[in-house]
Structures are given as C-alpha cells and as structure tokens.
Amino acid sequence: MRGERKDMDAAETQKRMQALLAQYQDRLLRQLDEMQALAAQLNGEAADQAVYAVLRERLHKLAGSGGTFGQPELGRRCLSLECLLDGWLAADAPPIDAGMRRQFLADLAALAGALA
C-alpha cells in the first residue's frame, strides 16, 4: 500500500513538472517575441534607457529560470546580454551606436535558437 502511494506521488509530481515545463515554454516564446518588439523601438534616443532597463530585467529573469527548466544555453546567453545591458545602463557608459544596437537585436533574436 505504501509503495503504491509513493508511485502515485512520484507520477503526480512528474505530471505536474511536465505541465510546468509546458507552461514555461509557451510563456518563454511569448516573452522572446515581446522582448524583440521592445528592442525594435530602440532608436538611439534618450528614451532607449527605459527600454534597456525593461529588457535587462526580463533577461535577468530568463537567465535565472533557464537552467531550472532545462534551458542552460538560453540562460547563459540571457546572462551575457544582461551583463551587456548593465554596462550600457551605467552612468558613465559610452554612447551606444547603431551598430551596437543592431548586434544587440541580432543576439536577442538568436535567443530562440538556444532553446533545447
């Protein structure tokens, strides 16, 4: 009886984990699309700082959750972009030129390719 209970608990836990993973993956694709839409607004103006801050926060969350949900490469890439934005958001950061923005957009778009 006890062994059956453990098997049922393990099966239920596995089922719940699979549901959480599916929810994460669905949400992840939406988040990546939303981040690309946000980044497309970047134009070299002062308002870019607010967009960079939002993107940095989202990248931070994805960097942390990637490993938890079996996406370590995504987590590493998000962390790299997060660190880049940390530098761009620093008070003494040099100006961000169009080439830097284009590369950031390309790197952001490539995140979907990091999905396992």
PDB file of N, CA and C in Angstrom:
ATOM      1  N   MET A   1       0.828  -1.189   0.000  1.00  0.00           N
ATOM      2  CA  MET A   1       0.000   0.000   0.000  1.00  0.00           C
ATOM      3  C   MET A   1       0.873   1.253   0.000  1.00  0.00           C
ATOM      4  N   ARG A   2       1.893   1.228   0.849  1.00  0.00           N
ATOM      5  CA  ARG A   2       2.766   2.391   0.934  1.00  0.00           C
ATOM      6  C   ARG A   2       3.545   2.606  -0.353  1.00  0.00           C
ATOM      7  N   GLY A   3       4.009   1.535  -0.963  1.00  0.00           N
ATOM      8  CA  GLY A   3       4.743   1.618  -2.216  1.00  0.00           C
ATOM      9  C   GLY A   3       3.878   2.183  -3.331  1.00  0.00           C
ATOM     10  N   GLU A   4       2.595   1.786  -3.335  1.00  0.00           N
ATOM     11  CA  GLU A   4       1.672   2.317  -4.339  1.00  0.00           C
ATOM     12  C   GLU A   4       1.501   3.822  -4.164  1.00  0.00           C
ATOM     13  N   ARG A   5       1.428   4.262  -2.943  1.00  0.00           N
ATOM     14  CA  ARG A   5       1.259   5.696  -2.648  1.00  0.00           C
ATOM     15  C   ARG A   5       2.466   6.488  -3.148  1.00  0.00           C
ATOM     16  N   LYS A   6       3.660   5.937  -2.897  1.00  0.00           N
ATOM     17  CA  LYS A   6       4.874   6.609  -3.365  1.00  0.00           C
ATOM     18  C   LYS A   6       4.900   6.680  -4.884  1.00  0.00           C
ATOM     19  N   ASP A   7       4.492   5.576  -5.540  1.00  0.00           N
ATOM     20  CA  ASP A   7       4.461   5.571  -7.001  1.00  0.00           C
ATOM     21  C   ASP A   7       3.470   6.602  -7.526  1.00  0.00           C
ATOM     22  N   MET A   8       2.316   6.703  -6.867  1.00  0.00           N
ATOM     23  CA  MET A   8       1.310   7.685  -7.289  1.00  0.00           C
ATOM     24  C   MET A   8       1.829   9.096  -7.062  1.00  0.00           C
ATOM     25  N   ASP A   9       2.492   9.337  -5.933  1.00  0.00           N
ATOM     26  CA  ASP A   9       3.048  10.657  -5.648  1.00  0.00           C
ATOM     27  C   ASP A   9       4.116  11.027  -6.671  1.00  0.00           C
ATOM     28  N   ALA A  10       4.972  10.071  -6.999  1.00  0.00           N
ATOM     29  CA  ALA A  10       6.028  10.333  -7.976  1.00  0.00           C
ATOM     30  C   ALA A  10       5.427  10.611  -9.349  1.00  0.00           C
ATOM     31  N   ALA A  11       4.421   9.842  -9.722  1.00  0.00           N
ATOM     32  CA  ALA A  11       3.769  10.046 -11.016  1.00  0.00           C
ATOM     33  C   ALA A  11       3.069  11.401 -11.057  1.00  0.00           C
ATOM     34  N   GLU A  12       2.415  11.756  -9.974  1.00  0.00           N
ATOM     35  CA  GLU A  12       1.723  13.050  -9.907  1.00  0.00           C
ATOM     36  C   GLU A  12       2.729  14.196  -9.956  1.00  0.00           C
ATOM     37  N   THR A  13       3.831  14.052  -9.245  1.00  0.00           N
ATOM     38  CA  THR A  13       4.878  15.080  -9.269  1.00  0.00           C
ATOM     39  C   THR A  13       5.432  15.231 -10.679  1.00  0.00           C
ATOM     40  N   GLN A  14       5.692  14.107 -11.339  1.00  0.00           N
ATOM     41  CA  GLN A  14       6.206  14.143 -12.712  1.00  0.00           C
ATOM     42  C   GLN A  14       5.203  14.826 -13.648  1.00  0.00           C
ATOM     43  N   LYS A  15       3.949  14.522 -13.472  1.00  0.00           N
ATOM     44  CA  LYS A  15       2.894  15.122 -14.302  1.00  0.00           C
ATOM     45  C   LYS A  15       2.844  16.633 -14.090  1.00  0.00           C
ATOM     46  N   ARG A  16       2.945  17.055 -12.862  1.00  0.00           N
ATOM     47  CA  ARG A  16       2.932  18.491 -12.554  1.00  0.00           C
ATOM     48  C   ARG A  16       4.162  19.192 -13.123  1.00  0.00           C
ATOM     49  N   MET A  17       5.309  18.544 -13.023  1.00  0.00           N
ATOM     50  CA  MET A  17       6.538  19.133 -13.574  1.00  0.00           C
ATOM     51  C   MET A  17       6.440  19.279 -15.090  1.00  0.00           C
ATOM     52  N   GLN A  18       5.874  18.290 -15.752  1.00  0.00           N
ATOM     53  CA  GLN A  18       5.702  18.380 -17.200  1.00  0.00           C
ATOM     54  C   GLN A  18       4.755  19.520 -17.563  1.00  0.00           C
ATOM     55  N   ALA A  19       3.711  19.705 -16.774  1.00  0.00           N
ATOM     56  CA  ALA A  19       2.781  20.808 -17.025  1.00  0.00           C
ATOM     57  C   ALA A  19       3.473  22.154 -16.817  1.00  0.00           C
ATOM     58  N   LEU A  20       4.282  22.259 -15.767  1.00  0.00           N
ATOM     59  CA  LEU A  20       5.033  23.499 -15.525  1.00  0.00           C
ATOM     60  C   LEU A  20       6.014  23.785 -16.655  1.00  0.00           C
ATOM     61  N   LEU A  21       6.672  22.761 -17.135  1.00  0.00           N
ATOM     62  CA  LEU A  21       7.620  22.927 -18.236  1.00  0.00           C
ATOM     63  C   LEU A  21       6.902  23.395 -19.500  1.00  0.00           C
ATOM     64  N   ALA A  22       5.753  22.811 -19.791  1.00  0.00           N
ATOM     65  CA  ALA A  22       4.981  23.224 -20.968  1.00  0.00           C
ATOM     66  C   ALA A  22       4.536  24.678 -20.838  1.00  0.00           C
ATOM     67  N   GLN A  23       4.091  25.068 -19.658  1.00  0.00           N
ATOM     68  CA  GLN A  23       3.693  26.463 -19.424  1.00  0.00           C
ATOM     69  C   GLN A  23       4.884  27.394 -19.597  1.00  0.00           C
ATOM     70  N   TYR A  24       6.028  26.995 -19.079  1.00  0.00           N
ATOM     71  CA  TYR A  24       7.235  27.812 -19.196  1.00  0.00           C
ATOM     72  C   TYR A  24       7.601  28.004 -20.661  1.00  0.00           C
ATOM     73  N   GLN A  25       7.579  26.927 -21.425  1.00  0.00           N
ATOM     74  CA  GLN A  25       7.957  27.018 -22.831  1.00  0.00           C
ATOM     75  C   GLN A  25       6.991  27.902 -23.616  1.00  0.00           C
ATOM     76  N   ASP A  26       5.705  27.791 -23.346  1.00  0.00           N
ATOM     77  CA  ASP A  26       4.725  28.662 -24.008  1.00  0.00           C
ATOM     78  C   ASP A  26       4.981  30.120 -23.649  1.00  0.00           C
ATOM     79  N   ARG A  27       5.171  30.375 -22.381  1.00  0.00           N
ATOM     80  CA  ARG A  27       5.410  31.739 -21.898  1.00  0.00           C
ATOM     81  C   ARG A  27       6.741  32.270 -22.439  1.00  0.00           C
ATOM     82  N   LEU A  28       7.726  31.402 -22.518  1.00  0.00           N
ATOM     83  CA  LEU A  28       9.047  31.792 -22.999  1.00  0.00           C
ATOM     84  C   LEU A  28       8.987  32.318 -24.430  1.00  0.00           C
ATOM     85  N   LEU A  29       8.295  31.625 -25.295  1.00  0.00           N
ATOM     86  CA  LEU A  29       8.191  32.078 -26.687  1.00  0.00           C
ATOM     87  C   LEU A  29       7.514  33.439 -26.773  1.00  0.00           C
ATOM     88  N   ARG A  30       6.477  33.631 -25.991  1.00  0.00           N
ATOM     89  CA  ARG A  30       5.808  34.949 -25.956  1.00  0.00           C
ATOM     90  C   ARG A  30       6.758  36.016 -25.436  1.00  0.00           C
ATOM     91  N   GLN A  31       7.497  35.701 -24.380  1.00  0.00           N
ATOM     92  CA  GLN A  31       8.422  36.675 -23.801  1.00  0.00           C
ATOM     93  C   GLN A  31       9.515  37.060 -24.797  1.00  0.00           C
ATOM     94  N   LEU A  32      10.034  36.088 -25.520  1.00  0.00           N
ATOM     95  CA  LEU A  32      11.065  36.392 -26.509  1.00  0.00           C
ATOM     96  C   LEU A  32      10.507  37.299 -27.607  1.00  0.00           C
ATOM     97  N   ASP A  33       9.281  37.018 -28.052  1.00  0.00           N
ATOM     98  CA  ASP A  33       8.640  37.876 -29.056  1.00  0.00           C
ATOM     99  C   ASP A  33       8.432  39.288 -28.520  1.00  0.00           C
ATOM    100  N   GLU A  34       7.964  39.385 -27.275  1.00  0.00           N
ATOM    101  CA  GLU A  34       7.736  40.703 -26.665  1.00  0.00           C
ATOM    102  C   GLU A  34       9.043  41.474 -26.523  1.00  0.00           C
ATOM    103  N   MET A  35      10.105  40.780 -26.154  1.00  0.00           N
ATOM    104  CA  MET A  35      11.397  41.452 -26.000  1.00  0.00           C
ATOM    105  C   MET A  35      11.912  41.958 -27.346  1.00  0.00           C
ATOM    106  N   GLN A  36      11.706  41.191 -28.397  1.00  0.00           N
ATOM    107  CA  GLN A  36      12.120  41.646 -29.719  1.00  0.00           C
ATOM    108  C   GLN A  36      11.309  42.864 -30.152  1.00  0.00           C
ATOM    109  N   ALA A  37      10.017  42.865 -29.849  1.00  0.00           N
ATOM    110  CA  ALA A  37       9.180  44.020 -30.188  1.00  0.00           C
ATOM    111  C   ALA A  37       9.644  45.259 -29.423  1.00  0.00           C
ATOM    112  N   LEU A  38       9.982  45.083 -28.162  1.00  0.00           N
ATOM    113  CA  LEU A  38      10.511  46.200 -27.370  1.00  0.00           C
ATOM    114  C   LEU A  38      11.821  46.706 -27.956  1.00  0.00           C
ATOM    115  N   ALA A  39      12.706  45.787 -28.265  1.00  0.00           N
ATOM    116  CA  ALA A  39      14.020  46.165 -28.789  1.00  0.00           C
ATOM    117  C   ALA A  39      13.908  46.863 -30.140  1.00  0.00           C
ATOM    118  N   ALA A  40      12.883  46.537 -30.897  1.00  0.00           N
ATOM    119  CA  ALA A  40      12.686  47.183 -32.198  1.00  0.00           C
ATOM    120  C   ALA A  40      12.396  48.673 -32.048  1.00  0.00           C
ATOM    121  N   GLN A  41      12.015  49.105 -30.856  1.00  0.00           N
ATOM    122  CA  GLN A  41      11.734  50.520 -30.591  1.00  0.00           C
ATOM    123  C   GLN A  41      13.008  51.329 -30.366  1.00  0.00           C
ATOM    124  N   LEU A  42      14.128  50.667 -30.182  1.00  0.00           N
ATOM    125  CA  LEU A  42      15.382  51.368 -29.897  1.00  0.00           C
ATOM    126  C   LEU A  42      15.794  52.209 -31.101  1.00  0.00           C
ATOM    127  N   ASN A  43      16.108  53.482 -30.842  1.00  0.00           N
ATOM    128  CA  ASN A  43      16.439  54.377 -31.951  1.00  0.00           C
ATOM    129  C   ASN A  43      17.585  55.331 -31.637  1.00  0.00           C
ATOM    130  N   GLY A  44      18.264  55.111 -30.536  1.00  0.00           N
ATOM    131  CA  GLY A  44      19.389  55.970 -30.195  1.00  0.00           C
ATOM    132  C   GLY A  44      19.013  57.223 -29.430  1.00  0.00           C
ATOM    133  N   GLU A  45      17.784  57.319 -29.008  1.00  0.00           N
ATOM    134  CA  GLU A  45      17.319  58.484 -28.251  1.00  0.00           C
ATOM    135  C   GLU A  45      17.410  58.198 -26.749  1.00  0.00           C
ATOM    136  N   ALA A  46      17.192  59.238 -25.970  1.00  0.00           N
ATOM    137  CA  ALA A  46      17.264  59.109 -24.504  1.00  0.00           C
ATOM    138  C   ALA A  46      16.248  58.100 -23.965  1.00  0.00           C
ATOM    139  N   ALA A  47      15.113  57.959 -24.645  1.00  0.00           N
ATOM    140  CA  ALA A  47      14.075  57.027 -24.192  1.00  0.00           C
ATOM    141  C   ALA A  47      14.542  55.573 -24.254  1.00  0.00           C
ATOM    142  N   ASP A  48      15.612  55.309 -24.986  1.00  0.00           N
ATOM    143  CA  ASP A  48      16.134  53.944 -25.059  1.00  0.00           C
ATOM    144  C   ASP A  48      16.518  53.407 -23.687  1.00  0.00           C
ATOM    145  N   GLN A  49      16.957  54.265 -22.787  1.00  0.00           N
ATOM    146  CA  GLN A  49      17.397  53.804 -21.462  1.00  0.00           C
ATOM    147  C   GLN A  49      16.287  53.048 -20.744  1.00  0.00           C
ATOM    148  N   ALA A  50      15.050  53.535 -20.861  1.00  0.00           N
ATOM    149  CA  ALA A  50      13.927  52.847 -20.209  1.00  0.00           C
ATOM    150  C   ALA A  50      13.697  51.474 -20.843  1.00  0.00           C
ATOM    151  N   VAL A  51      13.826  51.396 -22.155  1.00  0.00           N
ATOM    152  CA  VAL A  51      13.658  50.116 -22.850  1.00  0.00           C
ATOM    153  C   VAL A  51      14.774  49.155 -22.449  1.00  0.00           C
ATOM    154  N   TYR A  52      16.011  49.660 -22.390  1.00  0.00           N
ATOM    155  CA  TYR A  52      17.126  48.815 -21.961  1.00  0.00           C
ATOM    156  C   TYR A  52      16.888  48.277 -20.552  1.00  0.00           C
ATOM    157  N   ALA A  53      16.358  49.102 -19.676  1.00  0.00           N
ATOM    158  CA  ALA A  53      16.112  48.671 -18.296  1.00  0.00           C
ATOM    159  C   ALA A  53      15.071  47.552 -18.249  1.00  0.00           C
ATOM    160  N   VAL A  54      14.008  47.679 -19.035  1.00  0.00           N
ATOM    161  CA  VAL A  54      12.977  46.635 -19.079  1.00  0.00           C
ATOM    162  C   VAL A  54      13.560  45.346 -19.658  1.00  0.00           C
ATOM    163  N   LEU A  55      14.296  45.477 -20.750  1.00  0.00           N
ATOM    164  CA  LEU A  55      14.908  44.300 -21.369  1.00  0.00           C
ATOM    165  C   LEU A  55      15.899  43.629 -20.424  1.00  0.00           C
ATOM    166  N   ARG A  56      16.664  44.420 -19.699  1.00  0.00           N
ATOM    167  CA  ARG A  56      17.633  43.879 -18.762  1.00  0.00           C
ATOM    168  C   ARG A  56      16.944  43.054 -17.675  1.00  0.00           C
ATOM    169  N   GLU A  57      15.836  43.577 -17.155  1.00  0.00           N
ATOM    170  CA  GLU A  57      15.090  42.866 -16.116  1.00  0.00           C
ATOM    171  C   GLU A  57      14.542  41.541 -16.648  1.00  0.00           C
ATOM    172  N   ARG A  58      14.004  41.563 -17.854  1.00  0.00           N
ATOM    173  CA  ARG A  58      13.461  40.330 -18.442  1.00  0.00           C
ATOM    174  C   ARG A  58      14.569  39.320 -18.731  1.00  0.00           C
ATOM    175  N   LEU A  59      15.686  39.799 -19.233  1.00  0.00           N
ATOM    176  CA  LEU A  59      16.819  38.905 -19.477  1.00  0.00           C
ATOM    177  C   LEU A  59      17.322  38.292 -18.172  1.00  0.00           C
ATOM    178  N   HIS A  60      17.334  39.083 -17.110  1.00  0.00           N
ATOM    179  CA  HIS A  60      17.761  38.589 -15.798  1.00  0.00           C
ATOM    180  C   HIS A  60      16.872  37.424 -15.355  1.00  0.00           C
ATOM    181  N   LYS A  61      15.571  37.579 -15.508  1.00  0.00           N
ATOM    182  CA  LYS A  61      14.643  36.518 -15.110  1.00  0.00           C
ATOM    183  C   LYS A  61      14.841  35.263 -15.952  1.00  0.00           C
ATOM    184  N   LEU A  62      15.016  35.451 -17.255  1.00  0.00           N
ATOM    185  CA  LEU A  62      15.219  34.293 -18.127  1.00  0.00           C
ATOM    186  C   LEU A  62      16.562  33.619 -17.857  1.00  0.00           C
ATOM    187  N   ALA A  63      17.569  34.402 -17.524  1.00  0.00           N
ATOM    188  CA  ALA A  63      18.878  33.829 -17.195  1.00  0.00           C
ATOM    189  C   ALA A  63      18.753  32.915 -15.981  1.00  0.00           C
ATOM    190  N   GLY A  64      17.957  33.323 -15.015  1.00  0.00           N
ATOM    191  CA  GLY A  64      17.776  32.525 -13.807  1.00  0.00           C
ATOM    192  C   GLY A  64      16.900  31.303 -14.009  1.00  0.00           C
ATOM    193  N   SER A  65      15.870  31.437 -14.815  1.00  0.00           N
ATOM    194  CA  SER A  65      14.932  30.329 -14.985  1.00  0.00           C
ATOM    195  C   SER A  65      15.381  29.322 -16.039  1.00  0.00           C
ATOM    196  N   GLY A  66      16.286  29.718 -16.916  1.00  0.00           N
ATOM    197  CA  GLY A  66      16.711  28.821 -17.991  1.00  0.00           C
ATOM    198  C   GLY A  66      17.223  27.483 -17.492  1.00  0.00           C
ATOM    199  N   GLY A  67      18.138  27.504 -16.549  1.00  0.00           N
ATOM    200  CA  GLY A  67      18.688  26.263 -16.024  1.00  0.00           C
ATOM    201  C   GLY A  67      17.655  25.430 -15.297  1.00  0.00           C
ATOM    202  N   THR A  68      16.780  26.080 -14.573  1.00  0.00           N
ATOM    203  CA  THR A  68      15.747  25.380 -13.821  1.00  0.00           C
ATOM    204  C   THR A  68      14.838  24.577 -14.738  1.00  0.00           C
ATOM    205  N   PHE A  69      14.573  25.129 -15.924  1.00  0.00           N
ATOM    206  CA  PHE A  69      13.640  24.489 -16.844  1.00  0.00           C
ATOM    207  C   PHE A  69      14.344  23.836 -18.038  1.00  0.00           C
ATOM    208  N   GLY A  70      15.590  23.417 -17.835  1.00  0.00           N
ATOM    209  CA  GLY A  70      16.281  22.644 -18.851  1.00  0.00           C
ATOM    210  C   GLY A  70      16.764  23.429 -20.056  1.00  0.00           C
ATOM    211  N   GLN A  71      16.999  24.717 -19.875  1.00  0.00           N
ATOM    212  CA  GLN A  71      17.462  25.576 -20.961  1.00  0.00           C
ATOM    213  C   GLN A  71      18.763  26.287 -20.556  1.00  0.00           C
ATOM    214  N   PRO A  72      19.818  25.538 -20.240  1.00  0.00           N
ATOM    215  CA  PRO A  72      21.039  26.184 -19.750  1.00  0.00           C
ATOM    216  C   PRO A  72      21.691  27.115 -20.775  1.00  0.00           C
ATOM    217  N   GLU A  73      21.656  26.757 -22.050  1.00  0.00           N
ATOM    218  CA  GLU A  73      22.265  27.626 -23.071  1.00  0.00           C
ATOM    219  C   GLU A  73      21.504  28.946 -23.168  1.00  0.00           C
ATOM    220  N   LEU A  74      20.192  28.873 -23.108  1.00  0.00           N
ATOM    221  CA  LEU A  74      19.384  30.093 -23.100  1.00  0.00           C
ATOM    222  C   LEU A  74      19.759  30.943 -21.898  1.00  0.00           C
ATOM    223  N   GLY A  75      19.891  30.318 -20.737  1.00  0.00           N
ATOM    224  CA  GLY A  75      20.272  31.046 -19.529  1.00  0.00           C
ATOM    225  C   GLY A  75      21.608  31.747 -19.680  1.00  0.00           C
ATOM    226  N   ARG A  76      22.581  31.053 -20.263  1.00  0.00           N
ATOM    227  CA  ARG A  76      23.910  31.657 -20.462  1.00  0.00           C
ATOM    228  C   ARG A  76      23.845  32.847 -21.418  1.00  0.00           C
ATOM    229  N   ARG A  77      23.107  32.691 -22.505  1.00  0.00           N
ATOM    230  CA  ARG A  77      23.004  33.790 -23.476  1.00  0.00           C
ATOM    231  C   ARG A  77      22.270  34.990 -22.880  1.00  0.00           C
ATOM    232  N   CYS A  78      21.229  34.714 -22.118  1.00  0.00           N
ATOM    233  CA  CYS A  78      20.498  35.809 -21.468  1.00  0.00           C
ATOM    234  C   CYS A  78      21.395  36.534 -20.479  1.00  0.00           C
ATOM    235  N   LEU A  79      22.183  35.787 -19.731  1.00  0.00           N
ATOM    236  CA  LEU A  79      23.099  36.404 -18.776  1.00  0.00           C
ATOM    237  C   LEU A  79      24.108  37.291 -19.497  1.00  0.00           C
ATOM    238  N   SER A  80      24.602  36.825 -20.611  1.00  0.00           N
ATOM    239  CA  SER A  80      25.556  37.619 -21.387  1.00  0.00           C
ATOM    240  C   SER A  80      24.931  38.938 -21.846  1.00  0.00           C
ATOM    241  N   LEU A  81      23.704  38.867 -22.358  1.00  0.00           N
ATOM    242  CA  LEU A  81      23.021  40.092 -22.796  1.00  0.00           C
ATOM    243  C   LEU A  81      22.670  40.984 -21.608  1.00  0.00           C
ATOM    244  N   GLU A  82      22.312  40.369 -20.486  1.00  0.00           N
ATOM    245  CA  GLU A  82      22.032  41.143 -19.274  1.00  0.00           C
ATOM    246  C   GLU A  82      23.269  41.938 -18.861  1.00  0.00           C
ATOM    247  N   CYS A  83      24.418  41.293 -18.871  1.00  0.00           N
ATOM    248  CA  CYS A  83      25.668  41.979 -18.498  1.00  0.00           C
ATOM    249  C   CYS A  83      25.992  43.102 -19.477  1.00  0.00           C
ATOM    250  N   LEU A  84      25.740  42.882 -20.750  1.00  0.00           N
ATOM    251  CA  LEU A  84      25.943  43.934 -21.745  1.00  0.00           C
ATOM    252  C   LEU A  84      25.078  45.147 -21.410  1.00  0.00           C
ATOM    253  N   LEU A  85      23.806  44.889 -21.110  1.00  0.00           N
ATOM    254  CA  LEU A  85      22.902  45.995 -20.782  1.00  0.00           C
ATOM    255  C   LEU A  85      23.286  46.663 -19.470  1.00  0.00           C
ATOM    256  N   ASP A  86      23.810  45.907 -18.522  1.00  0.00           N
ATOM    257  CA  ASP A  86      24.306  46.528 -17.287  1.00  0.00           C
ATOM    258  C   ASP A  86      25.334  47.596 -17.623  1.00  0.00           C
ATOM    259  N   GLY A  87      26.230  47.264 -18.530  1.00  0.00           N
ATOM    260  CA  GLY A  87      27.241  48.231 -18.945  1.00  0.00           C
ATOM    261  C   GLY A  87      26.634  49.422 -19.659  1.00  0.00           C
ATOM    262  N   TRP A  88      25.652  49.172 -20.507  1.00  0.00           N
ATOM    263  CA  TRP A  88      25.011  50.261 -21.249  1.00  0.00           C
ATOM    264  C   TRP A  88      24.211  51.173 -20.331  1.00  0.00           C
ATOM    265  N   LEU A  89      23.699  50.609 -19.253  1.00  0.00           N
ATOM    266  CA  LEU A  89      22.890  51.402 -18.324  1.00  0.00           C
ATOM    267  C   LEU A  89      23.731  52.137 -17.286  1.00  0.00           C
ATOM    268  N   ALA A  90      25.008  51.839 -17.217  1.00  0.00           N
ATOM    269  CA  ALA A  90      25.889  52.510 -16.254  1.00  0.00           C
ATOM    270  C   ALA A  90      25.951  54.003 -16.566  1.00  0.00           C
ATOM    271  N   ALA A  91      26.085  54.783 -15.519  1.00  0.00           N
ATOM    272  CA  ALA A  91      26.078  56.243 -15.663  1.00  0.00           C
ATOM    273  C   ALA A  91      27.199  56.739 -16.567  1.00  0.00           C
ATOM    274  N   ASP A  92      28.329  56.062 -16.545  1.00  0.00           N
ATOM    275  CA  ASP A  92      29.475  56.519 -17.334  1.00  0.00           C
ATOM    276  C   ASP A  92      29.647  55.737 -18.637  1.00  0.00           C
ATOM    277  N   ALA A  93      28.575  55.112 -19.110  1.00  0.00           N
ATOM    278  CA  ALA A  93      28.648  54.299 -20.320  1.00  0.00           C
ATOM    279  C   ALA A  93      28.882  55.169 -21.551  1.00  0.00           C
ATOM    280  N   PRO A  94      29.682  54.669 -22.488  1.00  0.00           N
ATOM    281  CA  PRO A  94      29.875  55.411 -23.736  1.00  0.00           C
ATOM    282  C   PRO A  94      28.587  55.363 -24.563  1.00  0.00           C
ATOM    283  N   PRO A  95      28.457  56.231 -25.538  1.00  0.00           N
ATOM    284  CA  PRO A  95      27.255  56.218 -26.384  1.00  0.00           C
ATOM    285  C   PRO A  95      27.095  54.866 -27.092  1.00  0.00           C
ATOM    286  N   ILE A  96      25.859  54.481 -27.294  1.00  0.00           N
ATOM    287  CA  ILE A  96      25.539  53.222 -27.960  1.00  0.00           C
ATOM    288  C   ILE A  96      25.201  53.556 -29.405  1.00  0.00           C
ATOM    289  N   ASP A  97      26.024  53.092 -30.327  1.00  0.00           N
ATOM    290  CA  ASP A  97      25.800  53.460 -31.726  1.00  0.00           C
ATOM    291  C   ASP A  97      24.868  52.464 -32.420  1.00  0.00           C
ATOM    292  N   ALA A  98      24.513  52.779 -33.653  1.00  0.00           N
ATOM    293  CA  ALA A  98      23.564  51.962 -34.408  1.00  0.00           C
ATOM    294  C   ALA A  98      24.079  50.538 -34.608  1.00  0.00           C
ATOM    295  N   GLY A  99      25.367  50.384 -34.829  1.00  0.00           N
ATOM    296  CA  GLY A  99      25.933  49.044 -34.998  1.00  0.00           C
ATOM    297  C   GLY A  99      25.799  48.202 -33.742  1.00  0.00           C
ATOM    298  N   MET A 100      25.998  48.817 -32.596  1.00  0.00           N
ATOM    299  CA  MET A 100      25.851  48.102 -31.326  1.00  0.00           C
ATOM    300  C   MET A 100      24.396  47.678 -31.126  1.00  0.00           C
ATOM    301  N   ARG A 101      23.476  48.582 -31.463  1.00  0.00           N
ATOM    302  CA  ARG A 101      22.051  48.248 -31.337  1.00  0.00           C
ATOM    303  C   ARG A 101      21.679  47.103 -32.282  1.00  0.00           C
ATOM    304  N   ARG A 102      22.178  47.149 -33.527  1.00  0.00           N
ATOM    305  CA  ARG A 102      21.881  46.081 -34.491  1.00  0.00           C
ATOM    306  C   ARG A 102      22.395  44.734 -33.982  1.00  0.00           C
ATOM    307  N   GLN A 103      23.599  44.730 -33.434  1.00  0.00           N
ATOM    308  CA  GLN A 103      24.152  43.480 -32.912  1.00  0.00           C
ATOM    309  C   GLN A 103      23.325  42.976 -31.735  1.00  0.00           C
ATOM    310  N   PHE A 104      22.901  43.888 -30.865  1.00  0.00           N
ATOM    311  CA  PHE A 104      22.056  43.506 -29.742  1.00  0.00           C
ATOM    312  C   PHE A 104      20.752  42.893 -30.253  1.00  0.00           C
ATOM    313  N   LEU A 105      20.129  43.517 -31.251  1.00  0.00           N
ATOM    314  CA  LEU A 105      18.886  42.985 -31.821  1.00  0.00           C
ATOM    315  C   LEU A 105      19.112  41.586 -32.399  1.00  0.00           C
ATOM    316  N   ALA A 106      20.227  41.394 -33.086  1.00  0.00           N
ATOM    317  CA  ALA A 106      20.534  40.080 -33.660  1.00  0.00           C
ATOM    318  C   ALA A 106      20.738  39.043 -32.556  1.00  0.00           C
ATOM    319  N   ASP A 107      21.456  39.420 -31.515  1.00  0.00           N
ATOM    320  CA  ASP A 107      21.695  38.500 -30.397  1.00  0.00           C
ATOM    321  C   ASP A 107      20.393  38.163 -29.678  1.00  0.00           C
ATOM    322  N   LEU A 108      19.531  39.146 -29.542  1.00  0.00           N
ATOM    323  CA  LEU A 108      18.238  38.925 -28.899  1.00  0.00           C
ATOM    324  C   LEU A 108      17.386  37.983 -29.751  1.00  0.00           C
ATOM    325  N   ALA A 109      17.370  38.204 -31.058  1.00  0.00           N
ATOM    326  CA  ALA A 109      16.602  37.342 -31.960  1.00  0.00           C
ATOM    327  C   ALA A 109      17.138  35.909 -31.941  1.00  0.00           C
ATOM    328  N   ALA A 110      18.434  35.757 -31.734  1.00  0.00           N
ATOM    329  CA  ALA A 110      19.060  34.431 -31.734  1.00  0.00           C
ATOM    330  C   ALA A 110      18.741  33.624 -30.479  1.00  0.00           C
ATOM    331  N   LEU A 111      18.155  34.254 -29.472  1.00  0.00           N
ATOM    332  CA  LEU A 111      17.850  33.516 -28.243  1.00  0.00           C
ATOM    333  C   LEU A 111      16.931  32.329 -28.511  1.00  0.00           C
ATOM    334  N   ALA A 112      15.988  32.487 -29.424  1.00  0.00           N
ATOM    335  CA  ALA A 112      15.077  31.383 -29.725  1.00  0.00           C
ATOM    336  C   ALA A 112      15.848  30.171 -30.245  1.00  0.00           C
ATOM    337  N   GLY A 113      16.973  30.407 -30.909  1.00  0.00           N
ATOM    338  CA  GLY A 113      17.793  29.312 -31.403  1.00  0.00           C
ATOM    339  C   GLY A 113      18.521  28.556 -30.304  1.00  0.00           C
ATOM    340  N   ALA A 114      18.550  29.119 -29.115  1.00  0.00           N
ATOM    341  CA  ALA A 114      19.225  28.471 -27.989  1.00  0.00           C
ATOM    342  C   ALA A 114      18.315  27.497 -27.253  1.00  0.00           C
ATOM    343  N   LEU A 115      17.062  27.427 -27.659  1.00  0.00           N
ATOM    344  CA  LEU A 115      16.125  26.550 -26.955  1.00  0.00           C
ATOM    345  C   LEU A 115      16.455  25.090 -27.235  1.00  0.00           C
ATOM    346  N   ALA A 116      16.455  24.303 -26.164  1.00  0.00           N
ATOM    347  CA  ALA A 116      16.772  22.871 -26.290  1.00  0.00           C
ATOM    348  C   ALA A 116      15.550  22.102 -26.755  1.00  0.00           C
TER     349      ALA A 116
END
